[in-house]
Every structure is written in C-alpha cells, then in structure tokens.
Protein backbone atom coordinates (compact mmCIF):
# COMPACT_ATOMS: atom_id res chain seq x y z
CA MET A 1 -0.02 -0.05 0.00
CA ALA A 2 1.62 3.24 -1.13
CA ARG A 3 1.61 6.40 0.96
CA ASN A 4 -0.99 9.02 -0.01
CA PHE A 5 1.13 12.12 -0.45
CA ASP A 6 -2.00 14.32 -0.39
CA LEU A 7 -2.22 13.70 3.33
CA PRO A 8 0.10 14.63 6.14
CA GLY A 9 2.53 11.94 7.21
CA ARG A 10 6.06 10.71 6.76
CA SER A 11 7.62 8.33 4.34
CA PRO A 12 9.66 5.33 5.38
CA VAL A 13 13.44 5.76 5.24
CA ILE A 14 15.16 3.67 2.58
CA ALA A 15 18.86 2.92 2.46
CA SER A 16 21.19 0.18 1.36
CA SER A 17 24.26 -0.04 3.61
CA GLY A 18 23.03 0.43 7.19
CA MET A 19 20.19 1.86 9.26
CA ALA A 20 19.15 2.78 12.77
CA ALA A 21 15.68 3.63 14.10
CA THR A 22 15.23 4.94 17.62
CA SER A 23 12.89 7.13 19.63
CA HIS A 24 15.26 10.11 19.71
CA PRO A 25 17.26 11.87 16.99
CA LEU A 26 20.44 12.17 19.06
CA SER A 27 20.33 8.45 19.76
CA THR A 28 19.90 7.66 16.08
CA ALA A 29 22.77 10.01 15.22
CA ALA A 30 25.01 8.22 17.69
CA ALA A 31 24.22 4.83 16.10
CA MET A 32 24.85 6.21 12.57
CA GLU A 33 28.15 7.64 13.67
CA ILE A 34 29.36 4.26 14.88
CA LEU A 35 28.03 2.38 11.76
CA GLN A 36 29.81 4.82 9.38
CA ASP A 37 32.97 4.59 11.40
CA GLY A 38 33.22 0.80 10.95
CA GLY A 39 31.29 -0.39 13.95
CA ASN A 40 28.66 -3.14 13.61
CA ALA A 41 24.96 -3.19 14.59
CA VAL A 42 25.61 -4.23 18.17
CA ASP A 43 28.19 -1.49 18.64
CA ALA A 44 25.80 1.02 17.29
CA ALA A 45 22.92 -0.16 19.47
CA ILE A 46 25.00 0.21 22.62
CA ALA A 47 26.09 3.71 21.62
CA ALA A 48 22.47 4.66 20.86
CA VAL A 49 20.94 3.30 24.04
CA ALA A 50 23.62 4.96 26.23
CA VAL A 51 22.64 8.30 24.74
CA GLN A 52 18.97 7.56 25.44
CA CYS A 53 19.87 6.87 29.07
CA VAL A 54 20.96 10.59 29.19
CA VAL A 55 18.45 12.32 26.87
CA GLU A 56 15.32 10.26 27.71
CA PRO A 57 15.79 9.74 31.47
CA HIS A 58 12.10 9.28 32.07
CA MET A 59 12.12 6.19 29.81
CA THR A 60 15.42 4.41 30.36
CA GLY A 61 18.64 4.50 32.25
CA LEU A 62 21.66 2.61 33.64
CA GLY A 63 19.43 1.62 36.57
CA GLY A 64 17.12 -0.42 34.37
CA ASP A 65 16.89 -3.72 32.46
CA CYS A 66 17.59 -4.76 28.88
CA PHE A 67 16.59 -7.48 26.42
CA ALA A 68 17.89 -8.07 22.92
CA ILE A 69 17.65 -10.35 19.89
CA VAL A 70 20.76 -10.44 17.63
CA THR A 71 20.13 -11.96 14.20
CA GLU A 72 22.96 -12.69 11.74
CA ALA A 73 22.57 -12.43 7.98
CA ASP A 74 21.92 -16.20 7.66
CA GLY A 75 19.00 -16.03 10.10
CA HIS A 76 20.82 -17.45 13.13
CA MET A 77 19.39 -15.84 16.28
CA ALA A 78 20.60 -15.26 19.76
CA GLY A 79 18.48 -13.89 22.64
CA PHE A 80 19.72 -12.03 25.68
CA ASN A 81 17.83 -11.56 28.94
CA GLY A 82 19.40 -8.71 30.82
CA SER A 83 16.73 -8.40 33.57
CA GLY A 84 17.87 -8.21 37.18
CA ALA A 85 16.63 -10.21 40.12
CA ALA A 86 15.10 -9.38 43.48
CA PRO A 87 17.50 -9.11 46.45
CA LYS A 88 18.50 -12.49 47.85
CA ALA A 89 17.19 -11.70 51.33
CA ILE A 90 13.61 -10.63 50.32
CA SER A 91 10.68 -13.04 50.42
CA THR A 92 6.93 -13.14 50.15
CA ALA A 93 6.72 -14.26 53.79
CA ALA A 94 8.83 -11.28 54.94
CA LEU A 95 6.61 -8.79 53.15
CA VAL A 96 3.40 -10.50 54.40
CA ASP A 97 4.77 -10.21 57.89
CA GLN A 98 5.19 -6.45 57.26
CA GLY A 99 1.47 -6.30 56.33
CA LEU A 100 2.09 -5.87 52.62
CA SER A 101 -0.22 -7.50 50.04
CA GLU A 102 1.28 -5.87 46.93
CA ILE A 103 4.41 -4.06 45.80
CA THR A 104 3.41 -0.58 44.67
CA PRO A 105 5.52 1.36 42.10
CA ASP A 106 6.77 3.71 44.83
CA SER A 107 7.83 0.88 47.15
CA VAL A 108 11.57 0.44 47.77
CA HIS A 109 10.88 -3.26 47.23
CA ALA A 110 10.01 -2.56 43.64
CA ILE A 111 13.68 -1.78 42.98
CA THR A 112 15.37 -4.95 41.77
CA VAL A 113 18.94 -5.34 40.56
CA PRO A 114 19.40 -3.31 37.42
CA GLY A 115 20.56 -5.67 34.58
CA ALA A 116 21.17 -3.32 31.69
CA VAL A 117 24.82 -2.44 32.01
CA ARG A 118 25.82 -6.12 32.42
CA ALA A 119 23.74 -6.94 29.33
CA TRP A 120 25.40 -4.28 27.25
CA GLU A 121 28.81 -5.73 28.05
CA THR A 122 27.61 -9.32 27.43
CA LEU A 123 26.25 -8.32 24.03
CA LEU A 124 29.50 -6.63 23.06
CA GLN A 125 31.57 -9.61 24.12
CA ALA A 126 29.39 -11.94 22.04
CA HIS A 127 28.76 -9.86 18.92
CA GLY A 128 30.46 -6.42 19.17
CA SER A 129 33.67 -5.14 17.65
CA GLN A 130 34.29 -1.83 19.43
CA PRO A 131 35.18 -1.05 23.14
CA LEU A 132 32.89 0.63 25.52
CA SER A 133 35.40 3.50 25.77
CA LYS A 134 34.45 4.46 22.25
CA LEU A 135 30.73 3.63 22.30
CA LEU A 136 29.94 5.72 25.36
CA ARG A 137 31.62 8.89 24.18
CA ARG A 138 28.48 10.61 22.87
CA ALA A 139 26.47 9.70 25.99
CA ILE A 140 29.28 11.04 28.23
CA SER A 141 29.46 14.26 26.20
CA TYR A 142 25.71 14.91 26.44
CA ALA A 143 25.69 14.22 30.20
CA ARG A 144 28.68 16.43 30.90
CA ASP A 145 28.30 19.19 28.31
CA GLY A 146 24.51 19.28 28.04
CA PHE A 147 21.73 18.32 25.68
CA PRO A 148 18.48 20.03 24.57
CA VAL A 149 15.24 18.56 25.81
CA ALA A 150 13.28 17.07 22.87
CA PRO A 151 9.53 17.96 22.41
CA ARG A 152 7.97 14.59 23.42
CA VAL A 153 10.38 14.35 26.34
CA ALA A 154 9.29 17.78 27.56
CA ARG A 155 5.62 16.81 27.11
CA ASP A 156 6.05 13.79 29.40
CA TRP A 157 8.29 15.31 32.08
CA PRO A 158 5.58 17.33 34.08
CA HIS A 159 3.76 14.05 34.85
CA SER A 160 6.54 13.11 37.21
CA ILE A 161 7.16 16.36 39.05
CA GLU A 162 5.63 15.08 42.33
CA LYS A 163 7.61 11.82 42.09
CA LEU A 164 10.88 13.61 41.42
CA ALA A 165 10.32 16.26 44.11
CA ALA A 166 9.95 13.50 46.70
CA ASP A 167 13.63 12.47 46.27
CA PRO A 168 16.13 15.30 46.94
CA ALA A 169 18.75 13.94 44.49
CA SER A 170 16.21 13.49 41.78
CA ALA A 171 14.79 16.94 42.33
CA ARG A 172 18.25 18.53 42.04
CA THR A 173 18.97 16.58 38.88
CA TYR A 174 15.73 16.58 36.97
CA LEU A 175 13.81 19.67 38.03
CA VAL A 176 14.62 23.29 37.29
CA ASP A 177 13.55 25.49 40.19
CA GLY A 178 11.02 22.81 41.07
CA ALA A 179 9.55 22.61 37.57
CA ALA A 180 9.98 20.41 34.60
CA PRO A 181 12.35 21.58 31.83
CA ARG A 182 10.85 22.97 28.65
CA THR A 183 11.50 21.95 25.09
CA GLY A 184 14.96 23.10 24.11
CA ASP A 185 16.23 23.67 27.62
CA ILE A 186 19.82 22.49 28.08
CA LEU A 187 20.31 19.95 30.86
CA ARG A 188 23.57 18.63 32.28
CA MET A 189 24.14 15.55 34.47
CA PRO A 190 27.80 15.63 35.62
CA ARG A 191 27.51 12.76 38.08
CA LEU A 192 25.97 10.53 35.45
CA ALA A 193 28.82 11.53 33.08
CA ASP A 194 31.32 10.38 35.71
CA THR A 195 29.50 7.09 36.10
CA LEU A 196 29.40 6.53 32.32
CA SER A 197 33.10 7.33 32.15
CA ALA A 198 33.79 4.78 34.85
CA ILE A 199 31.89 2.13 32.85
CA ALA A 200 33.68 3.18 29.69
CA SER A 201 37.08 2.51 31.31
CA GLY A 202 36.28 -0.28 33.75
CA GLY A 203 33.43 -2.15 32.12
CA ALA A 204 30.32 -3.53 33.81
CA ASP A 205 32.31 -4.40 36.98
CA ALA A 206 32.79 -0.69 37.58
CA PHE A 207 29.02 -0.38 37.95
CA TYR A 208 28.28 -3.54 39.93
CA THR A 209 31.22 -3.27 42.39
CA GLY A 210 33.13 -0.42 44.03
CA ASP A 211 31.98 3.15 44.50
CA ILE A 212 28.94 3.06 42.19
CA ALA A 213 27.49 -0.12 43.71
CA GLU A 214 28.15 1.22 47.26
CA ASP A 215 26.24 4.44 46.33
CA ILE A 216 23.30 2.44 45.05
CA VAL A 217 23.19 0.09 48.06
CA ALA A 218 23.52 2.88 50.62
CA THR A 219 20.73 4.83 48.91
CA LEU A 220 18.46 1.80 49.03
CA LYS A 221 19.40 0.64 52.53
CA ALA A 222 18.40 4.06 53.89
CA ARG A 223 14.90 3.35 52.54
CA GLY A 224 14.59 -0.10 53.98
CA SER A 225 15.64 -2.22 51.01
CA TYR A 226 17.07 -5.69 51.27
CA MET A 227 19.59 -4.91 48.43
CA THR A 228 23.28 -5.76 49.11
CA LEU A 229 26.57 -5.38 47.38
CA GLU A 230 26.51 -9.12 46.84
CA ASP A 231 23.15 -8.84 44.95
CA LEU A 232 24.65 -6.30 42.57
CA SER A 233 27.92 -8.23 41.99
CA ALA A 234 25.99 -11.39 41.21
CA CYS A 235 24.09 -9.77 38.31
CA HIS A 236 24.38 -11.75 35.12
CA THR A 237 22.83 -11.79 31.63
CA THR A 238 21.22 -15.03 30.40
CA ALA A 239 21.55 -16.31 26.83
CA VAL A 240 18.12 -17.63 25.72
CA ALA A 241 16.71 -19.16 22.57
CA PRO A 242 13.88 -17.08 21.02
CA VAL A 243 10.49 -18.79 20.77
CA LEU A 244 9.24 -19.02 17.19
CA LYS A 245 5.72 -19.10 15.71
CA ASP A 246 4.66 -19.01 12.05
CA TYR A 247 2.02 -16.64 10.84
CA ARG A 248 0.84 -16.72 7.19
CA GLY A 249 4.29 -17.60 5.71
CA TYR A 250 6.30 -15.44 8.18
CA THR A 251 7.88 -16.40 11.48
CA LEU A 252 7.75 -14.18 14.55
CA ALA A 253 10.54 -14.54 17.19
CA GLU A 254 9.90 -13.46 20.75
CA LEU A 255 11.98 -14.07 23.94
CA PRO A 256 10.78 -16.69 26.41
CA PRO A 257 9.65 -15.88 30.07
CA ASN A 258 10.19 -14.06 32.28
CA GLY A 259 9.17 -11.68 29.47
CA GLN A 260 5.66 -11.41 28.06
CA GLY A 261 6.52 -12.23 24.46
CA LEU A 262 4.28 -15.32 24.49
CA VAL A 263 1.33 -12.95 24.61
CA ALA A 264 2.03 -11.92 21.07
CA LEU A 265 2.44 -15.57 19.92
CA ILE A 266 -0.88 -16.54 21.56
CA MET A 267 -2.62 -13.61 19.81
CA LEU A 268 -1.23 -14.59 16.43
CA GLY A 269 -2.18 -18.25 16.98
CA LEU A 270 -5.77 -17.06 17.50
CA LEU A 271 -5.88 -14.41 14.73
CA GLU A 272 -4.59 -16.73 12.06
CA ARG A 273 -7.90 -18.61 12.29
CA TYR A 274 -9.65 -15.60 10.72
CA ASP A 275 -9.36 -13.99 7.28
CA MET A 276 -7.91 -10.73 8.68
CA ALA A 277 -6.93 -9.50 5.18
CA ALA A 278 -10.63 -9.37 4.25
CA LEU A 279 -11.28 -6.84 7.03
CA ASP A 280 -10.66 -3.14 6.76
CA PRO A 281 -7.67 -2.32 9.11
CA MET A 282 -9.81 0.31 10.94
CA SER A 283 -13.03 -1.67 10.98
CA PRO A 284 -14.69 -2.63 14.32
CA GLU A 285 -14.56 -6.31 13.18
CA ARG A 286 -10.71 -6.21 12.96
CA LEU A 287 -10.25 -4.10 16.11
CA HIS A 288 -12.71 -6.35 18.08
CA LEU A 289 -10.77 -9.48 17.14
CA GLU A 290 -7.45 -7.90 18.10
CA ILE A 291 -8.66 -6.83 21.53
CA GLU A 292 -10.49 -10.05 22.28
CA THR A 293 -7.47 -12.20 21.43
CA ALA A 294 -5.38 -9.75 23.58
CA ARG A 295 -7.71 -10.19 26.54
CA LEU A 296 -7.38 -13.95 26.41
CA ALA A 297 -3.57 -13.83 25.89
CA TYR A 298 -3.04 -11.38 28.77
CA ALA A 299 -5.20 -13.52 31.11
CA MET A 300 -2.80 -16.43 30.23
CA ARG A 301 0.13 -14.19 31.02
CA ASN A 302 -1.27 -13.10 34.36
CA ARG A 303 -1.89 -16.69 35.43
CA PHE A 304 1.24 -18.43 34.17
CA ILE A 305 4.20 -16.23 33.16
CA ALA A 306 6.97 -15.64 35.63
CA ASP A 307 10.68 -16.40 36.08
CA PRO A 308 10.88 -19.68 34.18
CA GLY A 309 12.42 -21.49 37.14
CA HIS A 310 9.18 -20.86 39.04
CA MET A 311 6.54 -21.39 36.39
CA ASP A 312 4.34 -24.45 36.88
CA VAL A 313 3.89 -25.03 33.13
CA CYS A 314 6.31 -25.20 30.32
CA HIS A 315 6.09 -22.05 28.15
CA SER A 316 5.52 -24.09 25.00
CA ALA A 317 2.24 -25.32 26.53
CA LEU A 318 0.86 -21.79 26.35
CA ILE A 319 1.00 -21.80 22.53
CA SER A 320 0.14 -25.43 21.97
CA PRO A 321 -2.72 -26.24 19.54
CA GLU A 322 -4.75 -27.61 22.42
CA ALA A 323 -4.42 -24.42 24.54
CA LEU A 324 -5.16 -22.22 21.50
CA ASP A 325 -8.24 -24.31 20.62
CA ARG A 326 -9.69 -23.83 24.10
CA LEU A 327 -9.04 -20.07 23.93
CA ALA A 328 -10.38 -19.67 20.39
CA ALA A 329 -13.70 -21.29 21.39
CA GLN A 330 -14.31 -18.30 23.70
CA ILE A 331 -14.11 -15.71 20.93
CA SER A 332 -17.34 -14.30 19.47
CA LEU A 333 -17.29 -12.08 16.37
CA ASP A 334 -20.24 -10.14 17.67
CA ARG A 335 -19.76 -9.80 21.45
CA ARG A 336 -17.14 -9.11 24.07
CA ASN A 337 -16.50 -12.15 26.29
CA ASP A 338 -17.23 -11.15 29.89
CA SER A 339 -16.16 -14.44 31.42
CA ILE A 340 -12.81 -15.57 30.17
CA SER A 341 -11.90 -19.13 31.16
CA LEU A 342 -8.32 -20.31 31.11
CA PRO A 343 -7.36 -23.86 30.03
CA ASP A 344 -6.01 -26.34 32.55
CA LEU A 345 -2.37 -26.95 31.65
CA ALA A 346 -0.19 -29.77 32.83
CA PRO A 347 2.35 -28.71 35.47
CA GLN A 348 5.81 -28.19 34.29
CA THR A 349 5.75 0.22 30.78
CA ASP A 350 8.35 3.02 30.33
CA THR A 351 10.89 2.00 27.92
CA VAL A 352 12.98 2.79 24.86
CA TYR A 353 13.24 0.46 21.80
CA LEU A 354 15.69 0.66 18.98
CA SER A 355 16.70 -1.36 15.94
CA VAL A 356 19.94 -1.35 13.99
CA VAL A 357 21.02 -3.23 10.89
CA ASP A 358 24.55 -2.99 9.53
CA LYS A 359 26.22 -3.42 6.08
CA ASP A 360 26.96 -7.13 6.73
CA GLY A 361 23.37 -7.99 7.57
CA LEU A 362 23.77 -8.18 11.39
CA ALA A 363 20.55 -6.98 12.96
CA VAL A 364 19.76 -6.06 16.57
CA SER A 365 16.30 -5.67 18.10
CA PHE A 366 16.98 -3.98 21.46
CA ILE A 367 14.93 -2.74 24.35
CA ASN A 368 15.97 -0.97 27.61
CA SER A 369 13.69 0.25 30.36
CA ILE A 370 13.28 1.70 33.82
CA PHE A 371 9.53 0.65 33.79
CA LYS A 372 7.39 3.56 35.02
CA GLU A 373 8.19 7.14 34.09
CA PHE A 374 11.49 7.98 35.84
CA GLY A 375 11.39 4.51 37.32
CA SER A 376 11.23 4.54 41.10
CA GLY A 377 12.14 8.19 41.22
CA VAL A 378 15.06 7.21 43.48
CA LEU A 379 18.42 8.58 42.35
CA ALA A 380 21.74 7.41 43.82
CA PRO A 381 23.05 10.89 44.68
CA GLU A 382 26.78 10.50 44.14
CA THR A 383 26.64 8.56 40.88
CA GLY A 384 23.50 9.86 39.19
CA VAL A 385 21.99 6.37 38.67
CA LEU A 386 18.21 6.55 38.56
CA LEU A 387 16.82 3.21 39.70
CA HIS A 388 13.93 1.34 38.07
CA ASN A 389 10.82 -0.14 39.79
CA ARG A 390 10.49 -3.30 37.81
CA GLY A 391 9.77 -5.26 41.01
CA CYS A 392 6.23 -3.87 41.19
CA SER A 393 5.44 -6.51 38.51
CA PHE A 394 5.91 -9.13 41.24
CA ARG A 395 2.96 -10.32 43.30
CA VAL A 396 2.82 -10.86 47.04
CA GLU A 397 0.77 -13.96 46.80
CA PRO A 398 2.06 -17.23 48.22
CA GLY A 399 1.88 -20.04 45.68
CA HIS A 400 1.61 -17.78 42.58
CA PRO A 401 4.44 -18.34 40.10
CA ASN A 402 5.18 -14.60 39.99
CA THR A 403 5.20 -13.97 43.72
CA ILE A 404 8.39 -12.24 44.93
CA GLU A 405 11.26 -14.30 46.29
CA GLY A 406 14.99 -13.61 46.69
CA GLY A 407 17.09 -14.04 43.50
CA LYS A 408 13.95 -14.30 41.36
CA ARG A 409 13.26 -12.26 38.20
CA PRO A 410 9.80 -10.63 37.89
CA MET A 411 7.43 -11.08 35.04
CA HIS A 412 8.70 -8.51 32.58
CA THR A 413 6.85 -6.38 30.10
CA ILE A 414 9.66 -5.26 27.77
CA LEU A 415 10.39 -7.40 24.73
CA PRO A 416 12.19 -7.04 21.46
CA ALA A 417 10.85 -8.89 18.44
CA PHE A 418 12.17 -10.16 15.14
CA GLY A 419 10.51 -11.48 11.92
CA LEU A 420 11.83 -14.01 9.47
CA LYS A 421 10.72 -14.84 5.96
CA ASP A 422 11.78 -18.21 4.59
CA GLY A 423 14.25 -18.44 7.42
CA ALA A 424 16.01 -15.20 6.49
CA PRO A 425 16.01 -11.90 8.41
CA TRP A 426 12.93 -9.78 7.36
CA LEU A 427 11.81 -7.36 10.14
CA SER A 428 13.67 -6.11 13.19
CA PHE A 429 11.02 -4.33 15.27
CA GLY A 430 9.64 -3.55 18.69
CA VAL A 431 7.00 -1.55 20.49
CA MET A 432 7.27 0.55 23.67
CA GLY A 433 4.44 1.00 26.12
CA GLY A 434 4.58 -1.35 29.17
CA HIS A 435 1.77 -3.94 29.03
CA TYR A 436 0.79 -2.87 25.54
CA GLN A 437 4.01 -4.13 23.93
CA PRO A 438 2.98 -7.63 22.69
CA CYS A 439 -0.36 -6.28 21.52
CA GLY A 440 1.59 -3.64 19.72
CA HIS A 441 3.78 -6.27 18.07
CA VAL A 442 0.70 -8.00 16.70
CA HIS A 443 -0.86 -4.64 15.60
CA VAL A 444 2.33 -3.64 13.61
CA LEU A 445 2.87 -7.13 12.22
CA THR A 446 -0.71 -7.72 11.02
CA ASN A 447 -0.80 -4.25 9.54
CA ILE A 448 2.14 -5.27 7.36
CA ILE A 449 1.26 -8.94 6.65
CA ASP A 450 -2.53 -8.89 6.50
CA HIS A 451 -3.14 -5.38 5.22
CA GLY A 452 -0.10 -4.63 3.05
CA ILE A 453 0.76 -1.40 4.85
CA ASP A 454 4.32 -0.08 4.60
CA VAL A 455 6.50 -0.15 7.69
CA GLN A 456 6.06 3.57 8.56
CA GLU A 457 2.22 3.54 8.14
CA ALA A 458 2.08 0.28 10.09
CA ILE A 459 3.64 2.23 12.99
CA ASP A 460 1.47 5.37 12.42
CA THR A 461 -1.86 3.51 12.28
CA PRO A 462 -4.11 4.41 15.27
CA ARG A 463 -4.02 2.03 18.25
CA LEU A 464 -6.26 0.78 21.02
CA PHE A 465 -5.63 -1.09 24.19
CA LEU A 466 -7.04 -1.93 27.57
CA ASP A 467 -6.76 0.51 30.48
CA ASP A 468 -4.88 -0.22 33.73
CA THR A 469 -7.88 -2.17 35.12
CA PHE A 470 -8.17 -4.20 31.90
CA THR A 471 -11.89 -3.44 31.85
CA LYS A 472 -12.16 -0.37 29.65
CA LEU A 473 -10.92 -0.11 26.06
CA GLN A 474 -8.81 2.99 25.31
CA VAL A 475 -8.73 4.25 21.71
CA GLU A 476 -6.50 6.82 20.11
CA ASN A 477 -8.04 9.82 18.39
CA GLY A 478 -7.45 8.39 14.93
CA ILE A 479 -9.82 5.47 15.49
CA PRO A 480 -12.89 6.25 13.25
CA GLN A 481 -16.14 7.03 15.05
CA GLY A 482 -17.87 4.23 13.21
CA ALA A 483 -15.35 1.77 14.65
CA VAL A 484 -15.87 3.21 18.14
CA GLU A 485 -19.61 2.73 17.80
CA GLY A 486 -19.10 -0.82 16.43
CA LEU A 487 -16.86 -1.74 19.38
CA SER A 488 -19.37 -0.25 21.86
CA ALA A 489 -22.19 -2.27 20.19
CA ARG A 490 -20.05 -5.40 20.86
CA GLY A 491 -20.00 -4.69 24.59
CA HIS A 492 -16.70 -2.86 24.94
CA ASP A 493 -16.61 0.09 27.38
CA VAL A 494 -14.73 2.47 24.99
CA ILE A 495 -12.94 5.58 26.32
CA LYS A 496 -10.61 8.03 24.68
CA ALA A 497 -6.89 7.35 25.48
CA GLY A 498 -5.43 10.09 27.63
CA ALA A 499 -2.17 9.94 25.80
CA PRO A 500 -0.66 8.26 22.70
CA ILE A 501 -0.43 4.48 23.17
CA GLY A 502 3.15 3.31 23.07
CA GLY A 503 5.76 3.89 20.43
CA ALA A 504 7.55 1.70 17.85
CA GLN A 505 10.50 1.41 15.55
CA ALA A 506 11.08 -1.07 12.77
CA ILE A 507 13.53 -1.93 10.00
CA MET A 508 12.47 -4.14 7.11
CA ILE A 509 15.25 -6.14 5.40
CA ASP A 510 14.94 -6.93 1.70
CA ARG A 511 18.13 -8.83 0.70
CA LYS A 512 16.79 -9.58 -2.78
CA ARG A 513 16.57 -5.86 -3.60
CA GLY A 514 19.48 -4.92 -1.35
CA ILE A 515 17.56 -2.32 0.65
CA LEU A 516 16.58 -1.57 4.18
CA THR A 517 13.31 0.24 4.92
CA GLY A 518 12.91 1.90 8.33
CA GLY A 519 10.02 3.48 10.29
CA SER A 520 9.94 5.36 13.55
CA ASP A 521 7.09 6.52 15.75
CA PRO A 522 5.83 10.16 15.53
CA ARG A 523 4.14 9.52 18.87
CA LYS A 524 7.60 9.92 20.26
CA ASP A 525 10.55 11.94 18.90
CA GLY A 526 11.19 8.93 16.61
CA HIS A 527 13.88 9.11 14.04
CA ALA A 528 15.16 6.58 11.52
CA ALA A 529 18.20 7.17 9.36
CA GLY A 530 20.28 5.15 6.94
CA TYR A 531 23.26 5.40 4.53
C-alpha cells in the first residue's frame, strides 16, 4: 500500500548499507556515527541506548533492564535476557509479615537489581567489535556538556514532578527551580557523566562493584531495601533461545519468560484462524478481534508467566494447539466475552526500543527500560544512577508463580521482536508501552502482513488497548467514530486514550533488492536514518 502524499505523514526511510531507528534523533545520530566509522549493529545499538539513558531519562537508564535479539545475515538468532533479580534476602513471607499485600510502584521493594549495564557488556563480548570506551563517548558528552530537551520528552516530564520532588537527589537533577524543563532547555548531568566514564574505562564491573555499587546500596538501605553489594555483583545476563511461531508464511521470534513475548504468539495463533486481510484495518470487526485475542492472551500471562524457574507449566504449553483451541472457542465475532476461562495446563511500561542493521546484515532488536516514568524516582546521589521499579510486577501472593522471592526475576513487560521470511531476516522491530507491547507487536505485524501497509504507516496507524484495570478499552483519536460505535455495540466500554499508546521502531530487510526500509514513531521523537 503506497503512501498518499496528499495527506500529512512521513515516508519510510530507505537505504542500502546500514540503518538505525530509535525514539530520539540524538540516539539515532550516535548509532549512525558508529556504523559509518566501521562499527557493527551491536556496537551502534549500545552507543544509541547509552545516549537515550541521558536524553530520555524518564524512559530508560543505567538503573534499568535490557533485552535483545541479535540476528545474523543467515537467520541465526541469539536472545539475551538482561533483567535483574530481587535481592536475595527478600521473600513473600517477609513482606506479608510487614502487612504488605502488593508491591506498589513507589515501594523500595520494587527496586530490583538493574541488569542493563551487564547486558550491554555481554552483548559486546558476544557480537560487538568496538570497546565501551568508544561507544559511550556521545552519551558522556551529552551528560557532561549538556543536551536540549526534545519535544515529546518535555511533554512527558511534568507528569513526574511530584515523584521527582519527593527524592532530593532526583529533584536537584531533573527539576529546574522545582519545575519540569521545557522543550529546548539544556540539561547537564555531571555525576551521570562520571559514572558513564567509569563504565567506559572499567566495564560493567565498575558499575556492579566499587563506588557506584556502594552508592546504590547505601541509597536503598536508607529506605529499607534488602539490596546488598553481593546482589549487585551477582548480576548476570542469560543467553536464551527465542520462541518462534509461524504466521501466514512469516515467522515471529519473541523471547521466552520471564518476558511477556508469548502474549504476542498466543494472539497470532488465534488471529490466524480468521481472514484478517478481508477486514478493513480500521473496522470494528478487525479491532474487536485484536482486543479479544489480547484479553485472552493477557489472562494467560497473568496466570502463568513468571521467572521460568518458578513457572508451573512449560512455556510451550501456552501456545500449544490444544491451549489455543480452548481459547479460540471463547471468541465471538459479535460480542465481548465477559467471562474468560483459562485452560487447565499440565504442570511443568516505560521503555526505549531501538533497531539497528549493519552493512553485513547483522541486525539487533533492542529494548531498555526503567519501567514507570522515571522508574522509582530514586536517584543514587553521588553517581546519578536513577533506579527502576520493575519489581512492582511481582505479586505478594504465596503459591503464585510470580510472587516475589529472593534471587527471582519478575514477570517482565519489555520485549524485542524479530520477523523471518523463509528463514531469512525480514523485520527487526519492537513496540514501547509497558503492558501494551505484545499487543503492539501484533498490531504492527498484522498491519504489514494482512493489510499490506508499509513499515512507517504500520507504526502510524491508530491504536487501541485496555486501560490499567483491563476493563475499559482505550482508543487513540485516529480510530474512526464508526469503529468506536461498532466496538461499543459489541460490549466494549470504550474511552478516549489520555495519551498516545506506546511507540515503535522497525527496519524491514529486503536482501533480494538490497535495501533496508525503516520506520519510527511520530508519537515519540522517533527518528530513522540510513546510509
């Protein structure tokens, strides 16, 4: 489907030698600089995400987690789980004894070990070609010398003033006279620059041991955390095999639990039973099927997905034909299902996403997150490390596979994705937006496969998703009124989304024609570039 140039919009970026697509122009520029200076896709991805840790501090940081899929030109894939664990000394029993029944986003117990920096180093050791001392230069420069606040970043910042004001170090670093910075304001973060410099010269060990680790632990201990220096030094990245599922001649790769990638595979397994191509992409029929399959898939996630060492079913059982048959039987074309039933199985948020493909065909689908906006809001004062709050995804529920225990990883929302065609690399893509991410993967993928939409328009197309209670259906402004009425007639409680839903980047690989086609999300400050 060709773009209609009579309407506002943006064209996809087309290049032949290399490409990067991120949610921030300065990040994309850093990636392109590395690619054009002889670095590969992994090198460029690390340079890009390090910049984002400075210029998009509400979305990502050194104090967060990271996942990646690296795909070689022959289609060989490697997955990396860079999520951190709960402190060894914490337990569900201990929190219950304290009278806690949940871990709220502002709880100190929501702060788990940040896994991102260890993951960066692990990725470089496995697939990179350049040292951290070179790759972190741009990030260090922006942190020390200053960077201008981008428009979407400035739009989001005021939402977190109260959170940031509650922590003296965060208030000093991220607020200007108690207020959020405006678009174009120049910000500097000298302590973060020093920390990045330490990592550049000393590697991940400089972050997980020594002065930086001591600052993190002291900050958390003062708030009642169980975190220790031993917890930080034990941080490791796990190599994982992506889980594959075919959809209409293409293959989607997602990472296995503790991430929620299986949600996307469940949805595709249900949607392939319908002739989606026959439906208008903005019709209530298509949107109803998308959201009903999502509701079933997320119910499966909430019941079963956790740290794989604690799941009581094998993850493959969640996408088995038998499980999908039982879920599919609950879908009505005409009505919202108000009583979802899960099959019996045999025992067994905020984020940045980027994609890079280099001249040799190496591709990286990469995601890094501190979960909620500005994470926990807790900043280690001497080192400028803002800590995430990923642990609020845990439950405090004895017997549940995702209940919190020491050394355990929480169910995770962030996930990179990768598509293959005939076993060869085809689409490196991902979607930001917390719980929305796997639903967003399906939305983008089916836009391209079922509806023939180009990669940029597939990202631009209006979205819908469930609210935080999973009872109301939020729709972006671009959803046609007729579709809204059709969804309401099917029993959905439709409300207008209070903000854009998620963000996405994608690079399509066409080896036959020798071109790369990239798209980035205008809902963010998205920017794709190639050469």
